[in-house]
PDB file of N, CA and C in Angstrom:
ATOM      1  N   MET A   1     -42.320  15.212   0.385  1.00  0.00           N
ATOM      2  CA  MET A   1     -42.857  15.060  -0.959  1.00  0.00           C
ATOM      3  C   MET A   1     -41.740  15.291  -1.968  1.00  0.00           C
ATOM      4  N   THR A   2     -41.632  14.419  -2.920  1.00  0.00           N
ATOM      5  CA  THR A   2     -40.650  14.554  -3.978  1.00  0.00           C
ATOM      6  C   THR A   2     -41.304  15.226  -5.174  1.00  0.00           C
ATOM      7  N   ILE A   3     -40.640  16.221  -5.722  1.00  0.00           N
ATOM      8  CA  ILE A   3     -41.167  16.951  -6.870  1.00  0.00           C
ATOM      9  C   ILE A   3     -40.657  16.292  -8.140  1.00  0.00           C
ATOM     10  N   PRO A   4     -41.568  15.799  -9.004  1.00  0.00           N
ATOM     11  CA  PRO A   4     -41.128  15.191 -10.256  1.00  0.00           C
ATOM     12  C   PRO A   4     -40.353  16.186 -11.111  1.00  0.00           C
ATOM     13  N   MET A   5     -39.340  15.712 -11.809  1.00  0.00           N
ATOM     14  CA  MET A   5     -38.509  16.592 -12.632  1.00  0.00           C
ATOM     15  C   MET A   5     -39.306  17.275 -13.734  1.00  0.00           C
ATOM     16  N   GLU A   6     -40.361  16.618 -14.242  1.00  0.00           N
ATOM     17  CA  GLU A   6     -41.117  17.212 -15.329  1.00  0.00           C
ATOM     18  C   GLU A   6     -42.097  18.284 -14.850  1.00  0.00           C
ATOM     19  N   GLN A   7     -42.277  18.436 -13.550  1.00  0.00           N
ATOM     20  CA  GLN A   7     -43.180  19.451 -13.021  1.00  0.00           C
ATOM     21  C   GLN A   7     -42.475  20.800 -13.038  1.00  0.00           C
ATOM     22  N   ARG A   8     -42.886  21.670 -13.930  1.00  0.00           N
ATOM     23  CA  ARG A   8     -42.230  22.958 -14.089  1.00  0.00           C
ATOM     24  C   ARG A   8     -42.822  24.024 -13.171  1.00  0.00           C
ATOM     25  N   TYR A   9     -44.128  24.031 -13.021  1.00  0.00           N
ATOM     26  CA  TYR A   9     -44.788  25.033 -12.188  1.00  0.00           C
ATOM     27  C   TYR A   9     -45.197  24.411 -10.860  1.00  0.00           C
ATOM     28  N   LEU A  10     -44.842  25.097  -9.786  1.00  0.00           N
ATOM     29  CA  LEU A  10     -45.073  24.579  -8.451  1.00  0.00           C
ATOM     30  C   LEU A  10     -46.151  25.370  -7.738  1.00  0.00           C
ATOM     31  N   SER A  11     -46.869  24.697  -6.852  1.00  0.00           N
ATOM     32  CA  SER A  11     -47.833  25.369  -5.987  1.00  0.00           C
ATOM     33  C   SER A  11     -47.077  26.035  -4.843  1.00  0.00           C
ATOM     34  N   VAL A  12     -47.778  26.764  -4.006  1.00  0.00           N
ATOM     35  CA  VAL A  12     -47.151  27.405  -2.847  1.00  0.00           C
ATOM     36  C   VAL A  12     -46.521  26.348  -1.947  1.00  0.00           C
ATOM     37  N   THR A  13     -47.249  25.276  -1.677  1.00  0.00           N
ATOM     38  CA  THR A  13     -46.741  24.215  -0.818  1.00  0.00           C
ATOM     39  C   THR A  13     -45.511  23.560  -1.423  1.00  0.00           C
ATOM     40  N   ASP A  14     -45.566  23.261  -2.713  1.00  0.00           N
ATOM     41  CA  ASP A  14     -44.421  22.638  -3.380  1.00  0.00           C
ATOM     42  C   ASP A  14     -43.222  23.580  -3.420  1.00  0.00           C
ATOM     43  N   ALA A  15     -43.463  24.862  -3.695  1.00  0.00           N
ATOM     44  CA  ALA A  15     -42.375  25.838  -3.731  1.00  0.00           C
ATOM     45  C   ALA A  15     -41.737  25.977  -2.350  1.00  0.00           C
ATOM     46  N   ALA A  16     -42.560  25.980  -1.313  1.00  0.00           N
ATOM     47  CA  ALA A  16     -42.036  26.075   0.056  1.00  0.00           C
ATOM     48  C   ALA A  16     -41.163  24.874   0.375  1.00  0.00           C
ATOM     49  N   GLN A  17     -41.611  23.692   0.035  1.00  0.00           N
ATOM     50  CA  GLN A  17     -40.813  22.483   0.273  1.00  0.00           C
ATOM     51  C   GLN A  17     -39.538  22.507  -0.557  1.00  0.00           C
ATOM     52  N   TYR A  18     -39.634  22.931  -1.780  1.00  0.00           N
ATOM     53  CA  TYR A  18     -38.487  22.981  -2.680  1.00  0.00           C
ATOM     54  C   TYR A  18     -37.406  23.930  -2.159  1.00  0.00           C
ATOM     55  N   LEU A  19     -37.845  25.064  -1.588  1.00  0.00           N
ATOM     56  CA  LEU A  19     -36.906  26.065  -1.083  1.00  0.00           C
ATOM     57  C   LEU A  19     -36.562  25.872   0.393  1.00  0.00           C
ATOM     58  N   GLY A  20     -37.252  24.943   1.054  1.00  0.00           N
ATOM     59  CA  GLY A  20     -36.989  24.700   2.471  1.00  0.00           C
ATOM     60  C   GLY A  20     -37.544  25.798   3.360  1.00  0.00           C
ATOM     61  N   LEU A  21     -38.667  26.357   2.966  1.00  0.00           N
ATOM     62  CA  LEU A  21     -39.308  27.447   3.706  1.00  0.00           C
ATOM     63  C   LEU A  21     -40.720  27.037   4.093  1.00  0.00           C
ATOM     64  N   SER A  22     -41.365  27.869   4.891  1.00  0.00           N
ATOM     65  CA  SER A  22     -42.765  27.611   5.224  1.00  0.00           C
ATOM     66  C   SER A  22     -43.651  28.269   4.160  1.00  0.00           C
ATOM     67  N   PRO A  23     -44.846  27.725   3.956  1.00  0.00           N
ATOM     68  CA  PRO A  23     -45.771  28.370   3.019  1.00  0.00           C
ATOM     69  C   PRO A  23     -46.068  29.817   3.418  1.00  0.00           C
ATOM     70  N   LYS A  24     -46.100  30.112   4.711  1.00  0.00           N
ATOM     71  CA  LYS A  24     -46.349  31.478   5.167  1.00  0.00           C
ATOM     72  C   LYS A  24     -45.267  32.428   4.657  1.00  0.00           C
ATOM     73  N   THR A  25     -44.005  31.994   4.698  1.00  0.00           N
ATOM     74  CA  THR A  25     -42.904  32.816   4.186  1.00  0.00           C
ATOM     75  C   THR A  25     -43.075  33.065   2.701  1.00  0.00           C
ATOM     76  N   ILE A  26     -43.479  32.047   1.962  1.00  0.00           N
ATOM     77  CA  ILE A  26     -43.702  32.201   0.522  1.00  0.00           C
ATOM     78  C   ILE A  26     -44.773  33.266   0.277  1.00  0.00           C
ATOM     79  N   TYR A  27     -45.885  33.207   1.016  1.00  0.00           N
ATOM     80  CA  TYR A  27     -46.946  34.200   0.850  1.00  0.00           C
ATOM     81  C   TYR A  27     -46.458  35.614   1.184  1.00  0.00           C
ATOM     82  N   VAL A  28     -45.650  35.752   2.231  1.00  0.00           N
ATOM     83  CA  VAL A  28     -45.113  37.066   2.600  1.00  0.00           C
ATOM     84  C   VAL A  28     -44.249  37.605   1.463  1.00  0.00           C
ATOM     85  N   TRP A  29     -43.402  36.762   0.899  1.00  0.00           N
ATOM     86  CA  TRP A  29     -42.530  37.183  -0.200  1.00  0.00           C
ATOM     87  C   TRP A  29     -43.332  37.527  -1.442  1.00  0.00           C
ATOM     88  N   VAL A  30     -44.406  36.773  -1.711  1.00  0.00           N
ATOM     89  CA  VAL A  30     -45.255  37.066  -2.873  1.00  0.00           C
ATOM     90  C   VAL A  30     -45.919  38.429  -2.684  1.00  0.00           C
ATOM     91  N   GLU A  31     -46.456  38.681  -1.508  1.00  0.00           N
ATOM     92  CA  GLU A  31     -47.110  39.965  -1.239  1.00  0.00           C
ATOM     93  C   GLU A  31     -46.134  41.131  -1.373  1.00  0.00           C
ATOM     94  N   ALA A  32     -44.868  40.903  -1.032  1.00  0.00           N
ATOM     95  CA  ALA A  32     -43.844  41.946  -1.144  1.00  0.00           C
ATOM     96  C   ALA A  32     -43.249  41.999  -2.546  1.00  0.00           C
ATOM     97  N   ALA A  33     -43.723  41.134  -3.447  1.00  0.00           N
ATOM     98  CA  ALA A  33     -43.230  41.049  -4.833  1.00  0.00           C
ATOM     99  C   ALA A  33     -41.720  40.824  -4.867  1.00  0.00           C
ATOM    100  N   LYS A  34     -41.210  39.989  -3.997  1.00  0.00           N
ATOM    101  CA  LYS A  34     -39.781  39.714  -3.926  1.00  0.00           C
ATOM    102  C   LYS A  34     -39.405  38.355  -4.497  1.00  0.00           C
ATOM    103  N   ILE A  35     -40.384  37.558  -4.856  1.00  0.00           N
ATOM    104  CA  ILE A  35     -40.124  36.231  -5.411  1.00  0.00           C
ATOM    105  C   ILE A  35     -40.924  36.114  -6.705  1.00  0.00           C
ATOM    106  N   PRO A  36     -40.352  35.531  -7.745  1.00  0.00           N
ATOM    107  CA  PRO A  36     -41.087  35.417  -9.011  1.00  0.00           C
ATOM    108  C   PRO A  36     -42.274  34.462  -8.887  1.00  0.00           C
ATOM    109  N   ALA A  37     -43.464  34.977  -9.165  1.00  0.00           N
ATOM    110  CA  ALA A  37     -44.681  34.176  -9.027  1.00  0.00           C
ATOM    111  C   ALA A  37     -45.723  34.635 -10.034  1.00  0.00           C
ATOM    112  N   TYR A  38     -46.660  33.741 -10.319  1.00  0.00           N
ATOM    113  CA  TYR A  38     -47.744  34.028 -11.256  1.00  0.00           C
ATOM    114  C   TYR A  38     -49.054  33.631 -10.611  1.00  0.00           C
ATOM    115  N   LYS A  39     -50.031  34.500 -10.702  1.00  0.00           N
ATOM    116  CA  LYS A  39     -51.348  34.170 -10.177  1.00  0.00           C
ATOM    117  C   LYS A  39     -52.170  33.580 -11.309  1.00  0.00           C
ATOM    118  N   VAL A  40     -52.640  32.369 -11.098  1.00  0.00           N
ATOM    119  CA  VAL A  40     -53.457  31.669 -12.075  1.00  0.00           C
ATOM    120  C   VAL A  40     -54.810  31.440 -11.409  1.00  0.00           C
ATOM    121  N   GLY A  41     -55.789  32.236 -11.824  1.00  0.00           N
ATOM    122  CA  GLY A  41     -57.075  32.178 -11.136  1.00  0.00           C
ATOM    123  C   GLY A  41     -56.901  32.721  -9.729  1.00  0.00           C
ATOM    124  N   ARG A  42     -57.165  31.870  -8.748  1.00  0.00           N
ATOM    125  CA  ARG A  42     -57.036  32.277  -7.348  1.00  0.00           C
ATOM    126  C   ARG A  42     -55.803  31.705  -6.672  1.00  0.00           C
ATOM    127  N   VAL A  43     -54.970  31.012  -7.407  1.00  0.00           N
ATOM    128  CA  VAL A  43     -53.800  30.369  -6.798  1.00  0.00           C
ATOM    129  C   VAL A  43     -52.510  30.915  -7.385  1.00  0.00           C
ATOM    130  N   TRP A  44     -51.444  30.836  -6.609  1.00  0.00           N
ATOM    131  CA  TRP A  44     -50.125  31.260  -7.053  1.00  0.00           C
ATOM    132  C   TRP A  44     -49.367  30.067  -7.585  1.00  0.00           C
ATOM    133  N   ARG A  45     -48.604  30.296  -8.647  1.00  0.00           N
ATOM    134  CA  ARG A  45     -47.741  29.268  -9.232  1.00  0.00           C
ATOM    135  C   ARG A  45     -46.344  29.841  -9.376  1.00  0.00           C
ATOM    136  N   PHE A  46     -45.353  28.953  -9.295  1.00  0.00           N
ATOM    137  CA  PHE A  46     -43.954  29.347  -9.329  1.00  0.00           C
ATOM    138  C   PHE A  46     -43.232  28.504 -10.367  1.00  0.00           C
ATOM    139  N   ASP A  47     -42.514  29.158 -11.263  1.00  0.00           N
ATOM    140  CA  ASP A  47     -41.719  28.474 -12.270  1.00  0.00           C
ATOM    141  C   ASP A  47     -40.443  27.975 -11.580  1.00  0.00           C
ATOM    142  N   LYS A  48     -40.245  26.678 -11.619  1.00  0.00           N
ATOM    143  CA  LYS A  48     -39.103  26.073 -10.931  1.00  0.00           C
ATOM    144  C   LYS A  48     -37.779  26.668 -11.398  1.00  0.00           C
ATOM    145  N   ALA A  49     -37.633  26.907 -12.688  1.00  0.00           N
ATOM    146  CA  ALA A  49     -36.388  27.478 -13.228  1.00  0.00           C
ATOM    147  C   ALA A  49     -36.167  28.894 -12.693  1.00  0.00           C
ATOM    148  N   GLU A  50     -37.237  29.665 -12.567  1.00  0.00           N
ATOM    149  CA  GLU A  50     -37.115  31.018 -12.033  1.00  0.00           C
ATOM    150  C   GLU A  50     -36.754  31.001 -10.549  1.00  0.00           C
ATOM    151  N   LEU A  51     -37.289  30.027  -9.812  1.00  0.00           N
ATOM    152  CA  LEU A  51     -36.918  29.896  -8.396  1.00  0.00           C
ATOM    153  C   LEU A  51     -35.441  29.545  -8.265  1.00  0.00           C
ATOM    154  N   ASP A  52     -34.959  28.657  -9.134  1.00  0.00           N
ATOM    155  CA  ASP A  52     -33.530  28.300  -9.115  1.00  0.00           C
ATOM    156  C   ASP A  52     -32.670  29.537  -9.376  1.00  0.00           C
ATOM    157  N   ALA A  53     -33.055  30.339 -10.367  1.00  0.00           N
ATOM    158  CA  ALA A  53     -32.302  31.555 -10.691  1.00  0.00           C
ATOM    159  C   ALA A  53     -32.371  32.552  -9.540  1.00  0.00           C
ATOM    160  N   PHE A  54     -33.520  32.667  -8.908  1.00  0.00           N
ATOM    161  CA  PHE A  54     -33.717  33.558  -7.768  1.00  0.00           C
ATOM    162  C   PHE A  54     -32.747  33.202  -6.643  1.00  0.00           C
ATOM    163  N   VAL A  55     -32.618  31.916  -6.368  1.00  0.00           N
ATOM    164  CA  VAL A  55     -31.713  31.466  -5.309  1.00  0.00           C
ATOM    165  C   VAL A  55     -30.256  31.659  -5.728  1.00  0.00           C
ATOM    166  N   ARG A  56     -29.926  31.313  -6.973  1.00  0.00           N
ATOM    167  CA  ARG A  56     -28.543  31.468  -7.457  1.00  0.00           C
ATOM    168  C   ARG A  56     -28.084  32.921  -7.401  1.00  0.00           C
ATOM    169  N   GLN A  57     -28.983  33.839  -7.681  1.00  0.00           N
ATOM    170  CA  GLN A  57     -28.634  35.260  -7.668  1.00  0.00           C
ATOM    171  C   GLN A  57     -28.471  35.788  -6.255  1.00  0.00           C
ATOM    172  N   GLY A  58     -28.859  35.007  -5.269  1.00  0.00           N
ATOM    173  CA  GLY A  58     -28.702  35.422  -3.888  1.00  0.00           C
ATOM    174  C   GLY A  58     -29.637  36.535  -3.482  1.00  0.00           C
ATOM    175  N   GLN A  59     -30.769  36.660  -4.155  1.00  0.00           N
ATOM    176  CA  GLN A  59     -31.689  37.748  -3.850  1.00  0.00           C
ATOM    177  C   GLN A  59     -32.261  37.634  -2.446  1.00  0.00           C
ATOM    178  N   THR A  60     -32.387  36.433  -1.908  1.00  0.00           N
ATOM    179  CA  THR A  60     -32.952  36.283  -0.584  1.00  0.00           C
ATOM    180  C   THR A  60     -32.064  36.938   0.455  1.00  0.00           C
ATOM    181  N   GLN A  61     -30.755  36.774   0.352  1.00  0.00           N
ATOM    182  CA  GLN A  61     -29.840  37.368   1.321  1.00  0.00           C
ATOM    183  C   GLN A  61     -29.662  38.859   1.076  1.00  0.00           C
ATOM    184  N   ARG A  62     -29.567  39.262  -0.175  1.00  0.00           N
ATOM    185  CA  ARG A  62     -29.364  40.671  -0.513  1.00  0.00           C
ATOM    186  C   ARG A  62     -30.516  41.537  -0.058  1.00  0.00           C
ATOM    187  N   GLU A  63     -31.726  40.996  -0.131  1.00  0.00           N
ATOM    188  CA  GLU A  63     -32.899  41.782   0.213  1.00  0.00           C
ATOM    189  C   GLU A  63     -33.229  41.699   1.698  1.00  0.00           C
ATOM    190  N   GLY A  64     -32.424  40.958   2.466  1.00  0.00           N
ATOM    191  CA  GLY A  64     -32.638  40.879   3.897  1.00  0.00           C
ATOM    192  C   GLY A  64     -33.746  39.948   4.319  1.00  0.00           C
ATOM    193  N   PHE A  65     -34.046  38.936   3.513  1.00  0.00           N
ATOM    194  CA  PHE A  65     -35.120  38.012   3.850  1.00  0.00           C
ATOM    195  C   PHE A  65     -34.655  36.926   4.800  1.00  0.00           C
ATOM    196  N   ILE A  66     -33.406  36.522   4.686  1.00  0.00           N
ATOM    197  CA  ILE A  66     -32.930  35.408   5.538  1.00  0.00           C
ATOM    198  C   ILE A  66     -31.853  35.932   6.451  1.00  0.00           C
TER     199      ILE A  66
END
């Protein structure tokens, strides 16, 4: 699935594809509060710009996730 450039907020599935991870990993990281996420109603949303910054900062490796 290709993510349109104008799509700023991603679903769990879209965020997982964008980061090259499984949706299960995304949920584990959300529960551990290690990835920037927002709960909207009953679903989680991810700001694409915040995910980019999260990866650039290397938080995944520093925190021992990968």
